[in-house]
Protein backbone atom coordinates (compact mmCIF):
# COMPACT_ATOMS: atom_id res chain seq x y z
CA MET A 1 17.39 -20.24 -4.26
CA THR A 2 17.18 -23.25 -6.99
CA GLY A 3 13.44 -25.24 -8.38
CA PRO A 4 12.44 -27.90 -6.41
CA ALA A 5 13.75 -31.12 -6.45
CA PRO A 6 13.09 -33.74 -8.48
CA VAL A 7 9.86 -35.73 -7.50
CA GLU A 8 11.38 -39.56 -7.04
CA ARG A 9 8.70 -41.65 -8.82
CA ASP A 10 6.79 -44.03 -7.01
CA THR A 11 5.98 -47.60 -8.07
CA ALA A 12 3.88 -48.08 -4.87
CA PRO A 13 -0.33 -48.33 -5.65
CA SER A 14 -2.00 -44.94 -5.43
CA HIS A 15 -3.95 -45.67 -2.51
CA SER A 16 -0.14 -46.31 -0.33
CA PRO A 17 1.08 -42.87 1.20
CA MET A 18 4.44 -45.20 1.29
CA ARG A 19 6.92 -47.23 -0.21
CA PRO A 20 7.99 -51.08 1.49
CA GLY A 21 10.86 -49.95 3.69
CA ALA A 22 10.60 -46.60 2.25
CA THR A 23 12.45 -43.78 4.85
CA ARG A 24 10.73 -40.62 4.14
CA PRO A 25 7.06 -39.95 2.15
CA VAL A 26 6.07 -40.01 -1.41
CA ALA A 27 5.28 -37.00 -2.83
CA ASP A 28 1.94 -36.27 -2.48
CA PRO A 29 -0.14 -34.01 -5.58
CA ARG A 30 -2.15 -32.47 -3.34
CA VAL A 31 0.91 -30.74 -1.71
CA TRP A 32 2.12 -27.85 -3.48
CA SER A 33 6.33 -28.02 -3.25
CA LEU A 34 8.52 -24.56 -2.93
CA PRO A 35 11.31 -23.87 -4.31
CA GLN A 36 13.50 -24.97 -2.17
CA ALA A 37 17.85 -23.54 -1.46
CA ARG A 38 19.76 -26.35 -1.49
CA HIS A 39 21.20 -26.12 1.76
CA TRP A 40 18.81 -24.30 3.07
CA VAL A 41 19.18 -23.99 7.04
CA LEU A 42 22.83 -23.30 6.01
CA LEU A 43 21.84 -20.84 4.14
CA GLY A 44 19.12 -19.75 6.79
CA VAL A 45 21.48 -19.79 9.75
CA LEU A 46 23.85 -16.96 7.73
CA LEU A 47 20.88 -14.48 6.44
CA SER A 48 20.44 -14.18 9.87
CA ALA A 49 23.67 -13.53 10.90
CA ALA A 50 24.23 -11.35 8.43
CA VAL A 51 20.94 -9.21 10.00
CA LEU A 52 22.09 -9.40 13.68
CA ALA A 53 25.80 -8.61 12.06
CA LEU A 54 24.57 -5.49 11.10
CA GLY A 55 22.11 -4.98 13.22
CA LEU A 56 24.33 -5.16 16.59
CA THR A 57 27.53 -3.03 14.59
CA ALA A 58 24.30 0.25 13.70
CA GLN A 59 24.18 -0.08 17.85
CA ALA A 60 27.50 -0.72 18.80
CA THR A 61 29.48 1.88 17.03
CA PRO A 62 29.35 5.90 17.78
CA GLY A 63 27.40 7.81 15.84
CA PHE A 64 26.68 4.99 13.13
CA SER A 65 23.26 6.97 12.96
CA ALA A 66 23.62 10.05 13.49
CA ALA A 67 25.64 9.44 10.00
CA GLU A 68 22.49 7.52 8.35
CA LEU A 69 20.09 10.25 9.71
CA GLY A 70 21.69 12.79 7.08
CA VAL A 71 20.04 10.31 3.89
CA ASP A 72 16.64 11.31 6.19
CA GLN A 73 17.19 14.45 6.57
CA ASP A 74 18.12 15.32 2.65
CA LEU A 75 15.70 12.95 1.65
CA SER A 76 12.77 15.28 3.94
CA GLN A 77 14.36 18.59 2.62
CA HIS A 78 13.23 17.29 -0.72
CA HIS A 79 9.18 15.88 -0.79
CA ALA A 80 7.26 16.52 -3.54
CA ALA A 81 3.46 16.18 -3.40
CA ALA A 82 3.70 13.11 -5.59
CA LEU A 83 5.86 11.63 -4.12
CA THR A 84 4.20 12.41 -0.71
CA ALA A 85 0.86 10.62 -1.76
CA VAL A 86 2.71 7.37 -2.71
CA ALA A 87 4.82 6.96 0.26
CA MET A 88 1.78 7.62 2.19
CA VAL A 89 -0.24 5.40 0.48
CA LEU A 90 2.54 2.69 0.32
CA ASN A 91 2.98 3.30 4.49
CA VAL A 92 -0.78 2.25 5.06
CA VAL A 93 -0.75 -0.60 2.06
CA PHE A 94 1.87 -2.50 3.44
CA GLY A 95 0.73 -1.52 7.25
CA PRO A 96 0.06 -4.54 9.93
CA VAL A 97 -3.75 -4.03 9.33
CA ALA A 98 -3.71 -3.76 5.91
CA GLY A 99 -1.33 -6.04 5.28
CA VAL A 100 -3.50 -8.91 7.28
CA ALA A 101 -6.10 -7.77 5.20
CA LEU A 102 -4.35 -7.95 1.88
CA ILE A 103 -2.59 -11.65 3.06
CA GLY A 104 -6.39 -13.02 3.92
CA ALA A 105 -8.47 -11.18 0.86
CA VAL A 106 -5.69 -13.41 -1.50
CA ALA A 107 -5.20 -16.58 0.98
CA LEU A 108 -9.12 -17.17 0.58
CA TYR A 109 -8.93 -16.32 -3.50
CA ILE A 110 -6.77 -19.47 -3.86
CA TRP A 111 -8.70 -21.03 -1.67
CA LEU A 112 -11.72 -20.63 -3.65
CA PHE A 113 -10.51 -20.77 -7.14
CA ARG A 114 -6.89 -21.37 -7.44
CA GLY A 115 -5.21 -24.79 -6.02
CA GLY A 116 -7.02 -25.16 -2.67
CA LEU A 117 -6.40 -25.02 0.88
CA VAL A 118 -3.03 -26.15 0.98
CA LYS A 119 -1.93 -23.59 -1.71
CA ALA A 120 -3.58 -20.42 0.53
CA LEU A 121 -1.79 -21.92 3.92
CA GLY A 122 1.51 -22.01 1.74
CA PHE A 123 1.30 -18.39 0.28
CA GLY A 124 -0.17 -17.48 3.38
CA LEU A 125 3.00 -18.27 5.04
CA VAL A 126 5.76 -17.44 3.68
CA ALA A 127 3.49 -14.45 2.41
CA VAL A 128 3.69 -12.94 6.52
CA SER A 129 7.51 -14.73 7.66
CA GLY A 130 8.35 -11.77 6.69
CA TRP A 131 7.13 -9.37 9.00
CA VAL A 132 7.48 -12.55 11.45
CA ALA A 133 11.29 -12.18 10.93
CA SER A 134 11.70 -8.36 11.43
CA GLU A 135 9.44 -8.73 15.33
CA PHE A 136 11.86 -11.33 16.15
CA PHE A 137 14.89 -9.27 14.82
CA LYS A 138 13.67 -6.41 16.62
CA ILE A 139 13.91 -7.56 20.06
CA ILE A 140 16.96 -8.90 19.94
CA VAL A 141 18.50 -5.22 18.99
CA ALA A 142 16.22 -2.87 19.87
CA ARG A 143 17.24 0.48 17.34
CA GLN A 144 15.48 3.41 17.96
CA ARG A 145 13.94 4.85 14.84
CA PRO A 146 14.82 8.00 13.49
CA ASN A 147 13.95 11.42 15.85
CA PRO A 148 11.85 12.91 14.10
CA ALA A 149 12.69 16.58 15.03
CA LEU A 150 15.02 15.83 13.97
CA LEU A 151 13.46 15.69 10.71
CA PHE A 152 13.20 19.04 8.23
CA ASP A 153 9.27 17.66 7.47
CA PRO A 154 8.05 14.75 9.72
CA LEU A 155 5.38 12.69 7.47
CA SER A 156 4.83 10.35 9.43
CA PRO A 157 6.40 10.36 13.12
CA GLU A 158 7.59 7.47 14.67
CA THR A 159 9.71 6.99 18.11
CA GLY A 160 10.25 3.97 19.97
CA SER A 161 12.81 0.72 19.56
CA ASN A 162 11.86 -1.22 16.92
CA SER A 163 13.72 0.92 13.62
CA PHE A 164 15.44 -2.41 12.37
CA PRO A 165 14.61 -4.05 10.30
CA SER A 166 11.36 -2.18 8.39
CA GLY A 167 8.42 -4.54 8.93
CA HIS A 168 7.33 -2.97 6.23
CA VAL A 169 10.28 -4.36 3.15
CA SER A 170 10.53 -7.17 5.05
CA PHE A 171 6.90 -8.14 4.67
CA ALA A 172 6.84 -5.96 0.82
CA VAL A 173 10.00 -8.87 -0.24
CA ALA A 174 8.44 -12.28 1.60
CA LEU A 175 4.72 -10.94 -0.23
CA GLY A 176 6.44 -10.82 -3.80
CA PHE A 177 8.46 -14.43 -2.80
CA ALA A 178 4.41 -15.73 -2.19
CA LEU A 179 3.19 -14.05 -5.42
CA TYR A 180 6.63 -15.60 -7.01
CA PHE A 181 5.69 -18.89 -6.29
CA LEU A 182 2.14 -19.08 -7.07
CA ALA A 183 3.23 -17.30 -11.11
CA ARG A 184 5.69 -19.81 -10.94
CA GLY A 185 5.65 -21.87 -14.16
CA THR A 186 3.29 -19.40 -15.86
CA ARG A 187 3.90 -16.98 -18.49
CA TRP A 188 3.51 -14.58 -16.01
CA ALA A 189 6.81 -16.06 -13.32
CA LYS A 190 8.83 -13.22 -14.96
CA VAL A 191 6.53 -11.00 -15.01
CA THR A 192 5.97 -11.21 -10.97
CA ALA A 193 9.46 -11.53 -10.29
CA VAL A 194 10.30 -7.89 -11.81
CA GLY A 195 7.04 -6.39 -10.58
CA ALA A 196 8.13 -7.79 -7.24
CA ALA A 197 11.89 -6.59 -6.45
CA ALA A 198 10.32 -3.66 -8.03
CA MET A 199 7.46 -3.46 -5.35
CA ALA A 200 10.30 -3.94 -2.69
CA LEU A 201 12.58 -1.41 -3.66
CA VAL A 202 10.11 1.29 -3.63
CA VAL A 203 8.52 -0.11 -0.19
CA ALA A 204 11.96 0.81 0.76
CA TRP A 205 12.49 3.57 -0.54
CA SER A 206 9.38 5.64 0.74
CA ARG A 207 10.23 3.76 3.91
CA LEU A 208 13.13 6.24 3.93
CA TYR A 209 11.03 9.20 3.00
CA ILE A 210 8.93 9.81 5.48
CA GLY A 211 11.84 9.21 7.84
CA VAL A 212 11.14 6.31 9.95
CA HIS A 213 14.64 3.93 9.65
CA TYR A 214 17.55 4.56 8.65
CA PRO A 215 19.12 3.19 5.32
CA THR A 216 20.33 0.39 6.80
CA ASP A 217 17.34 -0.40 8.24
CA VAL A 218 15.42 -1.92 4.80
CA THR A 219 18.77 -3.82 4.31
CA ALA A 220 18.84 -5.76 6.34
CA SER A 221 14.74 -5.84 5.70
CA PHE A 222 15.91 -8.28 2.62
CA LEU A 223 17.92 -10.09 4.30
CA ALA A 224 15.86 -10.94 7.26
CA ALA A 225 12.57 -11.63 5.09
CA SER A 226 14.79 -13.74 2.47
CA ALA A 227 16.38 -15.86 5.41
CA ALA A 228 12.45 -16.40 6.31
CA VAL A 229 10.97 -17.33 3.34
CA VAL A 230 14.43 -19.94 2.89
CA MET A 231 13.71 -21.68 6.03
CA VAL A 232 9.62 -21.88 5.51
CA THR A 233 10.11 -22.54 2.14
CA GLY A 234 12.56 -26.02 3.13
CA LEU A 235 10.50 -26.56 6.44
CA TRP A 236 6.90 -26.64 4.19
CA ASN A 237 8.68 -29.39 1.52
CA LEU A 238 9.36 -31.50 4.71
CA VAL A 239 6.93 -31.01 7.02
CA THR A 240 3.65 -31.13 4.36
CA PRO A 241 4.03 -34.35 2.44
CA ARG A 242 4.17 -36.25 6.17
CA ILE A 243 1.11 -34.39 7.09
CA ALA A 244 -0.59 -35.08 3.88
CA SER A 245 1.32 -39.43 3.97
CA ARG A 246 -0.27 -39.38 7.48
CA VAL A 247 -3.46 -37.97 6.31
CA ALA A 248 -4.47 -39.72 3.51
CA ALA A 249 -3.22 -43.41 6.06
CA ARG A 250 -5.96 -42.35 8.12
CA SER A 251 -7.90 -42.06 5.10
CA THR A 252 -7.76 -45.14 3.51
CA ILE A 253 -7.76 -47.26 7.08
CA ARG A 254 -11.51 -45.98 7.52
CA SER A 255 -12.56 -46.21 3.78
CA PRO A 256 -14.95 -49.49 3.94
CA GLY A 257 -12.29 -50.83 0.76
CA SER A 258 -9.42 -50.77 2.46
CA GLU A 259 -11.31 -53.72 5.26
CA ARG A 260 -11.70 -56.04 1.09
CA ASN A 261 -8.75 -58.87 0.68
């Protein structure tokens, strides 16, 4: 993803939300601009198509899941106490309940101390987009989870047609993007980017280690979450300046000073 497009300078008065004859709102300093891919719609569609192609191929190809199950079975035979503890903690932390609480806590902190409500909303939308994308693709692909009865040591037996892609991994990837967006432009940007990538990879490993996903499930999660983040950032940069301009225009009209000539 590239950095945000440069903001066009405006010579109109500070209280004017639009320049005369302008076709789009002038950038509002109250709007948090997110890094945006140049052709974000096309990129989002291509990433989504790749996810669907991978998932539908796994479903339609005989023996595909059986071959992948060997990875889970091998990991299941080599469980270690320390690794199991890490995997089970990640299973909870990146699960739906704890994940929502985590996003809410960070968003609340941003709102109160680090940028206000708009920035908190932007963070929350990016962070939750991975989950939303994973649920969308799960409905379409409807792949069965690995059979826990075929594992040597099933740590958290789960069944059902909700294996592809992994919601835990999709959330970890989207959360990593959201955290990096907060840190970009600061001395913590590189550290956050590396940490976010490492976090997503460790969560992906944990889903295979526990035995609740196939390798293609976690691979597709990176693509699905990236597609969601690409689309969310593009829509955010497109919509929020317009909303801010309308709010500013209404505030100007309602202010007592606007009635003076």
